[in-house]
Amino acid sequence: MTGHRDAPSRGASLLALAAAIGAWWAVAQLHVAGRPLVAAPVATLGALSRVAPTLGRDLAATATRTGVGLAVGVALGLVIGVLASILARRAPVIEGLLDFARSVPPVVILPVCLLAFGYNELARVATVASGCVWTISLAVITAASSPRSARQEILEVAGTTPLRALVWTQPWESLGVLVVGLRTSASSAVIVAVVTEMIAGAERGLGARVIAAQIVGDTEGLTLAVLATGALGYSINVALRGLERRVRRFET
């Protein structure tokens, strides 16, 4: 009985969705300086029918910057993390330095990248990568410093060298920690990509769309851009959450 009562309910989910839309409509009734704070759901849907093609291009541009920056950040983070985990055994301060680097907001790195590369795509992608690299590096260090697993001990008892036992077990048993780091980095990548588009004057992208809508006072377009940004981040998170579940099942 308890399991049936606690099971997910489609009706409850629809009710929660309806409540969220109702809350959205209620917020849309708030006016600041004679203008609605956000567009109502019906007005936003109307704007979507008008701007769907250009919105799709902007969404694709932001998704591309996010994906390329995330890939570069993850690749660099893995390399830095492996080197740092080796060196941290003799110099523990290295982990603290990585944590310090992770605490620097990527938006602060944007002016550095603009000075180095100019107002171009390379500067934006480099800024996105800077928001991912340190999180992945710390995830690698966390995985490397975890206690020895039972599998590793069994292999060593069976006569396998410690290094070979580590190679055969550690990469696979660390996948869970690395995927969590990847999810965190992906969320940061979306945020940083949109911010760079807003600040660095990108021609395409959801951030550029937000600024353009704000300049002309297009509340419907602005609301739609905000929702599209949330949808992009949510889609990436759902995909990575599914990957995390598969990894957890593999580990067990």
C-alpha atoms as a PDB file:
ATOM      1  CA  MET A   1       0.000   0.000   0.000  1.00  0.00           C
ATOM      2  CA  THR A   2       2.788   2.411   0.915  1.00  0.00           C
ATOM      3  CA  GLY A   3       4.679   1.802  -2.312  1.00  0.00           C
ATOM      4  CA  HIS A   4       1.478   2.396  -4.318  1.00  0.00           C
ATOM      5  CA  ARG A   5       0.735   5.579  -2.436  1.00  0.00           C
ATOM      6  CA  ASP A   6       4.275   6.922  -2.960  1.00  0.00           C
ATOM      7  CA  ALA A   7       4.422   5.980  -6.657  1.00  0.00           C
ATOM      8  CA  PRO A   8       4.703   8.862  -9.156  1.00  0.00           C
ATOM      9  CA  SER A   9       1.312  10.115 -10.280  1.00  0.00           C
ATOM     10  CA  ARG A  10       0.680  11.587 -13.737  1.00  0.00           C
ATOM     11  CA  GLY A  11      -2.244  13.527 -12.322  1.00  0.00           C
ATOM     12  CA  ALA A  12      -0.042  15.118  -9.656  1.00  0.00           C
ATOM     13  CA  SER A  13       2.529  16.057 -12.273  1.00  0.00           C
ATOM     14  CA  LEU A  14      -0.133  17.693 -14.462  1.00  0.00           C
ATOM     15  CA  LEU A  15      -1.463  19.549 -11.428  1.00  0.00           C
ATOM     16  CA  ALA A  16       2.026  20.843 -10.596  1.00  0.00           C
ATOM     17  CA  LEU A  17       2.516  21.933 -14.206  1.00  0.00           C
ATOM     18  CA  ALA A  18      -0.825  23.746 -14.175  1.00  0.00           C
ATOM     19  CA  ALA A  19       0.133  25.453 -10.918  1.00  0.00           C
ATOM     20  CA  ALA A  20       3.427  26.601 -12.439  1.00  0.00           C
ATOM     21  CA  ILE A  21       1.622  28.081 -15.451  1.00  0.00           C
ATOM     22  CA  GLY A  22      -0.842  29.752 -13.106  1.00  0.00           C
ATOM     23  CA  ALA A  23       2.001  31.262 -11.107  1.00  0.00           C
ATOM     24  CA  TRP A  24       3.561  32.480 -14.367  1.00  0.00           C
ATOM     25  CA  TRP A  25       0.258  34.152 -15.321  1.00  0.00           C
ATOM     26  CA  ALA A  26       0.009  35.759 -11.873  1.00  0.00           C
ATOM     27  CA  VAL A  27       3.525  37.211 -12.131  1.00  0.00           C
ATOM     28  CA  ALA A  28       2.648  38.546 -15.585  1.00  0.00           C
ATOM     29  CA  GLN A  29      -0.055  40.670 -13.954  1.00  0.00           C
ATOM     30  CA  LEU A  30       2.603  42.621 -12.057  1.00  0.00           C
ATOM     31  CA  HIS A  31       3.493  45.895 -13.736  1.00  0.00           C
ATOM     32  CA  VAL A  32       6.640  47.961 -13.206  1.00  0.00           C
ATOM     33  CA  ALA A  33       6.738  51.495 -14.645  1.00  0.00           C
ATOM     34  CA  GLY A  34       3.580  50.768 -16.586  1.00  0.00           C
ATOM     35  CA  ARG A  35       4.927  47.605 -18.218  1.00  0.00           C
ATOM     36  CA  PRO A  36       4.342  43.937 -17.327  1.00  0.00           C
ATOM     37  CA  LEU A  37       7.232  42.313 -15.511  1.00  0.00           C
ATOM     38  CA  VAL A  38       7.031  39.271 -17.805  1.00  0.00           C
ATOM     39  CA  ALA A  39       4.766  38.356 -20.695  1.00  0.00           C
ATOM     40  CA  ALA A  40       1.736  36.167 -20.037  1.00  0.00           C
ATOM     41  CA  PRO A  41       1.758  32.556 -21.319  1.00  0.00           C
ATOM     42  CA  VAL A  42      -0.620  33.237 -24.230  1.00  0.00           C
ATOM     43  CA  ALA A  43       1.343  36.315 -25.341  1.00  0.00           C
ATOM     44  CA  THR A  44       4.598  34.351 -25.162  1.00  0.00           C
ATOM     45  CA  LEU A  45       3.148  31.585 -27.324  1.00  0.00           C
ATOM     46  CA  GLY A  46       2.067  34.216 -29.820  1.00  0.00           C
ATOM     47  CA  ALA A  47       5.618  35.599 -29.919  1.00  0.00           C
ATOM     48  CA  LEU A  48       6.950  32.070 -30.467  1.00  0.00           C
ATOM     49  CA  SER A  49       4.839  31.649 -33.597  1.00  0.00           C
ATOM     50  CA  ARG A  50       6.314  34.861 -34.994  1.00  0.00           C
ATOM     51  CA  VAL A  51      10.001  34.375 -34.229  1.00  0.00           C
ATOM     52  CA  ALA A  52      10.454  30.587 -34.253  1.00  0.00           C
ATOM     53  CA  PRO A  53      13.028  30.512 -37.117  1.00  0.00           C
ATOM     54  CA  THR A  54      15.310  33.192 -35.651  1.00  0.00           C
ATOM     55  CA  LEU A  55      14.882  31.786 -32.143  1.00  0.00           C
ATOM     56  CA  GLY A  56      16.023  28.399 -33.423  1.00  0.00           C
ATOM     57  CA  ARG A  57      19.181  29.939 -34.881  1.00  0.00           C
ATOM     58  CA  ASP A  58      19.966  31.762 -31.648  1.00  0.00           C
ATOM     59  CA  LEU A  59      19.321  28.634 -29.613  1.00  0.00           C
ATOM     60  CA  ALA A  60      21.646  26.650 -31.887  1.00  0.00           C
ATOM     61  CA  ALA A  61      24.355  29.320 -31.568  1.00  0.00           C
ATOM     62  CA  THR A  62      24.232  29.226 -27.766  1.00  0.00           C
ATOM     63  CA  ALA A  63      24.132  25.424 -27.719  1.00  0.00           C
ATOM     64  CA  THR A  64      27.190  25.293 -29.976  1.00  0.00           C
ATOM     65  CA  ARG A  65      29.184  27.702 -27.787  1.00  0.00           C
ATOM     66  CA  THR A  66      28.138  25.725 -24.738  1.00  0.00           C
ATOM     67  CA  GLY A  67      29.106  22.380 -26.257  1.00  0.00           C
ATOM     68  CA  VAL A  68      32.473  23.476 -27.647  1.00  0.00           C
ATOM     69  CA  GLY A  69      33.426  25.327 -24.464  1.00  0.00           C
ATOM     70  CA  LEU A  70      32.358  22.371 -22.328  1.00  0.00           C
ATOM     71  CA  ALA A  71      34.349  19.911 -24.453  1.00  0.00           C
ATOM     72  CA  VAL A  72      37.490  22.049 -24.270  1.00  0.00           C
ATOM     73  CA  GLY A  73      37.064  22.619 -20.539  1.00  0.00           C
ATOM     74  CA  VAL A  74      36.538  18.914 -19.840  1.00  0.00           C
ATOM     75  CA  ALA A  75      39.585  17.902 -21.898  1.00  0.00           C
ATOM     76  CA  LEU A  76      41.837  20.422 -20.152  1.00  0.00           C
ATOM     77  CA  GLY A  77      40.292  19.604 -16.783  1.00  0.00           C
ATOM     78  CA  LEU A  78      41.067  15.905 -17.147  1.00  0.00           C
ATOM     79  CA  VAL A  79      44.688  16.610 -18.014  1.00  0.00           C
ATOM     80  CA  ILE A  80      45.149  19.164 -15.221  1.00  0.00           C
ATOM     81  CA  GLY A  81      43.322  16.939 -12.753  1.00  0.00           C
ATOM     82  CA  VAL A  82      45.503  13.900 -13.460  1.00  0.00           C
ATOM     83  CA  LEU A  83      48.710  15.940 -13.169  1.00  0.00           C
ATOM     84  CA  ALA A  84      47.481  17.682 -10.027  1.00  0.00           C
ATOM     85  CA  SER A  85      46.453  14.411  -8.373  1.00  0.00           C
ATOM     86  CA  ILE A  86      49.979  13.081  -8.923  1.00  0.00           C
ATOM     87  CA  LEU A  87      51.720  16.234  -7.700  1.00  0.00           C
ATOM     88  CA  ALA A  88      49.322  16.821  -4.782  1.00  0.00           C
ATOM     89  CA  ARG A  89      50.789  13.830  -2.962  1.00  0.00           C
ATOM     90  CA  ARG A  90      53.978  15.831  -2.470  1.00  0.00           C
ATOM     91  CA  ALA A  91      52.460  19.327  -2.514  1.00  0.00           C
ATOM     92  CA  PRO A  92      48.917  19.256  -1.011  1.00  0.00           C
ATOM     93  CA  VAL A  93      48.613  23.011  -1.626  1.00  0.00           C
ATOM     94  CA  ILE A  94      47.890  22.236  -5.292  1.00  0.00           C
ATOM     95  CA  GLU A  95      44.341  21.176  -4.474  1.00  0.00           C
ATOM     96  CA  GLY A  96      43.821  24.469  -2.658  1.00  0.00           C
ATOM     97  CA  LEU A  97      45.129  26.380  -5.660  1.00  0.00           C
ATOM     98  CA  LEU A  98      42.656  24.610  -7.929  1.00  0.00           C
ATOM     99  CA  ASP A  99      39.840  25.422  -5.522  1.00  0.00           C
ATOM    100  CA  PHE A 100      40.977  29.052  -5.556  1.00  0.00           C
ATOM    101  CA  ALA A 101      40.916  29.088  -9.369  1.00  0.00           C
ATOM    102  CA  ARG A 102      37.421  27.583  -9.381  1.00  0.00           C
ATOM    103  CA  SER A 103      36.244  30.381  -7.088  1.00  0.00           C
ATOM    104  CA  VAL A 104      37.077  33.047  -9.693  1.00  0.00           C
ATOM    105  CA  PRO A 105      33.825  33.817 -11.587  1.00  0.00           C
ATOM    106  CA  PRO A 106      34.169  33.080 -15.317  1.00  0.00           C
ATOM    107  CA  VAL A 107      32.623  36.477 -16.109  1.00  0.00           C
ATOM    108  CA  VAL A 108      35.765  38.021 -14.598  1.00  0.00           C
ATOM    109  CA  ILE A 109      37.851  35.966 -17.038  1.00  0.00           C
ATOM    110  CA  LEU A 110      35.886  37.320 -20.009  1.00  0.00           C
ATOM    111  CA  PRO A 111      37.769  40.674 -20.159  1.00  0.00           C
ATOM    112  CA  VAL A 112      41.056  38.756 -20.059  1.00  0.00           C
ATOM    113  CA  CYS A 113      39.951  36.605 -23.003  1.00  0.00           C
ATOM    114  CA  LEU A 114      38.698  39.664 -24.886  1.00  0.00           C
ATOM    115  CA  LEU A 115      42.072  41.369 -24.460  1.00  0.00           C
ATOM    116  CA  ALA A 116      43.894  38.234 -25.558  1.00  0.00           C
ATOM    117  CA  PHE A 117      41.711  37.168 -28.505  1.00  0.00           C
ATOM    118  CA  GLY A 118      39.546  40.183 -29.319  1.00  0.00           C
ATOM    119  CA  TYR A 119      35.758  40.394 -29.582  1.00  0.00           C
ATOM    120  CA  ASN A 120      35.342  37.107 -31.383  1.00  0.00           C
ATOM    121  CA  GLU A 121      34.119  33.544 -30.970  1.00  0.00           C
ATOM    122  CA  LEU A 122      37.422  32.301 -29.569  1.00  0.00           C
ATOM    123  CA  ALA A 123      37.170  34.658 -26.599  1.00  0.00           C
ATOM    124  CA  ARG A 124      33.628  33.502 -25.816  1.00  0.00           C
ATOM    125  CA  VAL A 125      34.465  29.798 -26.080  1.00  0.00           C
ATOM    126  CA  ALA A 126      37.611  30.261 -23.970  1.00  0.00           C
ATOM    127  CA  THR A 127      35.526  31.942 -21.271  1.00  0.00           C
ATOM    128  CA  VAL A 128      33.026  29.073 -21.279  1.00  0.00           C
ATOM    129  CA  ALA A 129      35.895  26.581 -21.008  1.00  0.00           C
ATOM    130  CA  SER A 130      37.331  28.492 -18.039  1.00  0.00           C
ATOM    131  CA  GLY A 131      34.072  27.920 -16.195  1.00  0.00           C
ATOM    132  CA  CYS A 132      34.363  24.146 -16.624  1.00  0.00           C
ATOM    133  CA  VAL A 133      38.040  23.249 -16.390  1.00  0.00           C
ATOM    134  CA  TRP A 134      38.532  23.673 -12.642  1.00  0.00           C
ATOM    135  CA  THR A 135      35.367  21.806 -11.665  1.00  0.00           C
ATOM    136  CA  ILE A 136      36.474  18.812 -13.729  1.00  0.00           C
ATOM    137  CA  SER A 137      40.004  19.031 -12.310  1.00  0.00           C
ATOM    138  CA  LEU A 138      38.703  18.893  -8.745  1.00  0.00           C
ATOM    139  CA  ALA A 139      36.420  15.979  -9.663  1.00  0.00           C
ATOM    140  CA  VAL A 140      39.460  14.067 -10.941  1.00  0.00           C
ATOM    141  CA  ILE A 141      41.381  14.805  -7.736  1.00  0.00           C
ATOM    142  CA  THR A 142      38.401  13.688  -5.629  1.00  0.00           C
ATOM    143  CA  ALA A 143      38.185  10.433  -7.572  1.00  0.00           C
ATOM    144  CA  ALA A 144      41.933   9.823  -7.330  1.00  0.00           C
ATOM    145  CA  SER A 145      41.990  10.396  -3.564  1.00  0.00           C
ATOM    146  CA  SER A 146      39.090   8.039  -2.818  1.00  0.00           C
ATOM    147  CA  PRO A 147      39.861   4.953  -0.679  1.00  0.00           C
ATOM    148  CA  ARG A 148      40.957   1.787  -2.405  1.00  0.00           C
ATOM    149  CA  SER A 149      38.027  -0.302  -3.575  1.00  0.00           C
ATOM    150  CA  ALA A 150      37.414  -3.952  -2.735  1.00  0.00           C
ATOM    151  CA  ARG A 151      38.062  -4.881  -6.365  1.00  0.00           C
ATOM    152  CA  GLN A 152      41.455  -3.235  -6.298  1.00  0.00           C
ATOM    153  CA  GLU A 153      42.402  -5.035  -3.073  1.00  0.00           C
ATOM    154  CA  ILE A 154      41.278  -8.389  -4.499  1.00  0.00           C
ATOM    155  CA  LEU A 155      43.410  -7.860  -7.610  1.00  0.00           C
ATOM    156  CA  GLU A 156      46.446  -7.028  -5.489  1.00  0.00           C
ATOM    157  CA  VAL A 157      45.897 -10.094  -3.293  1.00  0.00           C
ATOM    158  CA  ALA A 158      45.703 -12.161  -6.485  1.00  0.00           C
ATOM    159  CA  GLY A 159      49.211 -11.010  -7.362  1.00  0.00           C
ATOM    160  CA  THR A 160      48.499  -8.061  -9.641  1.00  0.00           C
ATOM    161  CA  THR A 161      50.843  -5.122  -9.220  1.00  0.00           C
ATOM    162  CA  PRO A 162      49.311  -2.078  -7.451  1.00  0.00           C
ATOM    163  CA  LEU A 163      49.726   0.067 -10.567  1.00  0.00           C
ATOM    164  CA  ARG A 164      47.988  -2.448 -12.819  1.00  0.00           C
ATOM    165  CA  ALA A 165      45.184  -2.941 -10.285  1.00  0.00           C
ATOM    166  CA  LEU A 166      44.724   0.833 -10.178  1.00  0.00           C
ATOM    167  CA  VAL A 167      44.565   1.072 -13.971  1.00  0.00           C
ATOM    168  CA  TRP A 168      42.044  -1.757 -14.191  1.00  0.00           C
ATOM    169  CA  THR A 169      39.685  -0.354 -11.548  1.00  0.00           C
ATOM    170  CA  GLN A 170      40.113   3.370 -10.911  1.00  0.00           C
ATOM    171  CA  PRO A 171      38.953   4.805 -14.271  1.00  0.00           C
ATOM    172  CA  TRP A 172      35.678   2.838 -14.163  1.00  0.00           C
ATOM    173  CA  GLU A 173      34.991   3.338 -10.466  1.00  0.00           C
ATOM    174  CA  SER A 174      35.576   7.085 -10.822  1.00  0.00           C
ATOM    175  CA  LEU A 175      32.951   7.549 -13.522  1.00  0.00           C
ATOM    176  CA  GLY A 176      30.237   8.480 -11.014  1.00  0.00           C
ATOM    177  CA  VAL A 177      32.261  11.352  -9.557  1.00  0.00           C
ATOM    178  CA  LEU A 178      33.327  12.521 -13.002  1.00  0.00           C
ATOM    179  CA  VAL A 179      29.759  12.547 -14.332  1.00  0.00           C
ATOM    180  CA  VAL A 180      28.639  14.655 -11.365  1.00  0.00           C
ATOM    181  CA  GLY A 181      31.450  17.084 -12.180  1.00  0.00           C
ATOM    182  CA  LEU A 182      30.350  17.036 -15.810  1.00  0.00           C
ATOM    183  CA  ARG A 183      26.764  17.926 -14.857  1.00  0.00           C
ATOM    184  CA  THR A 184      27.961  20.837 -12.739  1.00  0.00           C
ATOM    185  CA  SER A 185      30.243  22.022 -15.520  1.00  0.00           C
ATOM    186  CA  ALA A 186      27.472  21.768 -18.131  1.00  0.00           C
ATOM    187  CA  SER A 187      25.166  23.959 -16.057  1.00  0.00           C
ATOM    188  CA  SER A 188      27.934  26.528 -15.675  1.00  0.00           C
ATOM    189  CA  ALA A 189      28.697  26.353 -19.400  1.00  0.00           C
ATOM    190  CA  VAL A 190      25.147  27.368 -20.347  1.00  0.00           C
ATOM    191  CA  ILE A 191      25.191  30.304 -17.929  1.00  0.00           C
ATOM    192  CA  VAL A 192      28.615  31.526 -19.030  1.00  0.00           C
ATOM    193  CA  ALA A 193      27.777  31.161 -22.737  1.00  0.00           C
ATOM    194  CA  VAL A 194      24.675  33.355 -22.361  1.00  0.00           C
ATOM    195  CA  VAL A 195      26.549  35.938 -20.281  1.00  0.00           C
ATOM    196  CA  THR A 196      29.352  36.196 -22.841  1.00  0.00           C
ATOM    197  CA  GLU A 197      26.772  36.752 -25.571  1.00  0.00           C
ATOM    198  CA  MET A 198      25.211  39.549 -23.543  1.00  0.00           C
ATOM    199  CA  ILE A 199      28.485  41.299 -22.701  1.00  0.00           C
ATOM    200  CA  ALA A 200      30.753  40.586 -25.655  1.00  0.00           C
ATOM    201  CA  GLY A 201      28.376  41.632 -28.400  1.00  0.00           C
ATOM    202  CA  ALA A 202      27.624  38.351 -30.150  1.00  0.00           C
ATOM    203  CA  GLU A 203      25.546  38.569 -33.321  1.00  0.00           C
ATOM    204  CA  ARG A 204      23.721  35.330 -32.575  1.00  0.00           C
ATOM    205  CA  GLY A 205      22.758  33.619 -29.347  1.00  0.00           C
ATOM    206  CA  LEU A 206      20.152  33.730 -26.601  1.00  0.00           C
ATOM    207  CA  GLY A 207      22.168  36.310 -24.673  1.00  0.00           C
ATOM    208  CA  ALA A 208      22.240  38.617 -27.704  1.00  0.00           C
ATOM    209  CA  ARG A 209      18.509  38.054 -28.078  1.00  0.00           C
ATOM    210  CA  VAL A 210      17.890  39.053 -24.462  1.00  0.00           C
ATOM    211  CA  ILE A 211      19.802  42.325 -24.910  1.00  0.00           C
ATOM    212  CA  ALA A 212      18.029  43.125 -28.193  1.00  0.00           C
ATOM    213  CA  ALA A 213      14.602  42.522 -26.626  1.00  0.00           C
ATOM    214  CA  GLN A 214      15.487  44.640 -23.601  1.00  0.00           C
ATOM    215  CA  ILE A 215      16.630  47.562 -25.774  1.00  0.00           C
ATOM    216  CA  VAL A 216      13.391  47.726 -27.772  1.00  0.00           C
ATOM    217  CA  GLY A 217      11.143  46.924 -24.811  1.00  0.00           C
ATOM    218  CA  ASP A 218       9.933  43.603 -26.253  1.00  0.00           C
ATOM    219  CA  THR A 219       8.604  41.896 -23.120  1.00  0.00           C
ATOM    220  CA  GLU A 220       7.260  38.885 -25.035  1.00  0.00           C
ATOM    221  CA  GLY A 221      10.569  38.335 -26.818  1.00  0.00           C
ATOM    222  CA  LEU A 222      12.513  38.754 -23.603  1.00  0.00           C
ATOM    223  CA  THR A 223      10.324  36.250 -21.766  1.00  0.00           C
ATOM    224  CA  LEU A 224      10.661  33.801 -24.638  1.00  0.00           C
ATOM    225  CA  ALA A 225      14.466  34.109 -24.626  1.00  0.00           C
ATOM    226  CA  VAL A 226      14.570  33.463 -20.883  1.00  0.00           C
ATOM    227  CA  LEU A 227      12.401  30.359 -21.274  1.00  0.00           C
ATOM    228  CA  ALA A 228      14.548  29.116 -24.172  1.00  0.00           C
ATOM    229  CA  THR A 229      17.662  29.479 -22.024  1.00  0.00           C
ATOM    230  CA  GLY A 230      16.036  27.462 -19.258  1.00  0.00           C
ATOM    231  CA  ALA A 231      14.932  24.813 -21.740  1.00  0.00           C
ATOM    232  CA  LEU A 232      18.481  24.460 -23.074  1.00  0.00           C
ATOM    233  CA  GLY A 233      19.964  24.027 -19.614  1.00  0.00           C
ATOM    234  CA  TYR A 234      17.196  21.632 -18.588  1.00  0.00           C
ATOM    235  CA  SER A 235      17.652  19.458 -21.681  1.00  0.00           C
ATOM    236  CA  ILE A 236      21.390  19.132 -21.095  1.00  0.00           C
ATOM    237  CA  ASN A 237      20.824  18.322 -17.422  1.00  0.00           C
ATOM    238  CA  VAL A 238      18.242  15.630 -18.230  1.00  0.00           C
ATOM    239  CA  ALA A 239      20.608  13.989 -20.714  1.00  0.00           C
ATOM    240  CA  LEU A 240      23.495  13.974 -18.242  1.00  0.00           C
ATOM    241  CA  ARG A 241      21.248  12.760 -15.444  1.00  0.00           C
ATOM    242  CA  GLY A 242      20.357   9.771 -17.607  1.00  0.00           C
ATOM    243  CA  LEU A 243      24.072   9.171 -18.193  1.00  0.00           C
ATOM    244  CA  GLU A 244      24.692   9.342 -14.457  1.00  0.00           C
ATOM    245  CA  ARG A 245      22.023   6.700 -13.775  1.00  0.00           C
ATOM    246  CA  ARG A 246      23.621   4.359 -16.306  1.00  0.00           C
ATOM    247  CA  VAL A 247      27.038   4.886 -14.739  1.00  0.00           C
ATOM    248  CA  ARG A 248      25.684   4.157 -11.257  1.00  0.00           C
ATOM    249  CA  ARG A 249      24.150   0.894 -12.496  1.00  0.00           C
ATOM    250  CA  PHE A 250      27.468  -0.017 -14.142  1.00  0.00           C
ATOM    251  CA  GLU A 251      29.345   0.587 -10.887  1.00  0.00           C
ATOM    252  CA  THR A 252      27.073  -1.745  -8.958  1.00  0.00           C
END
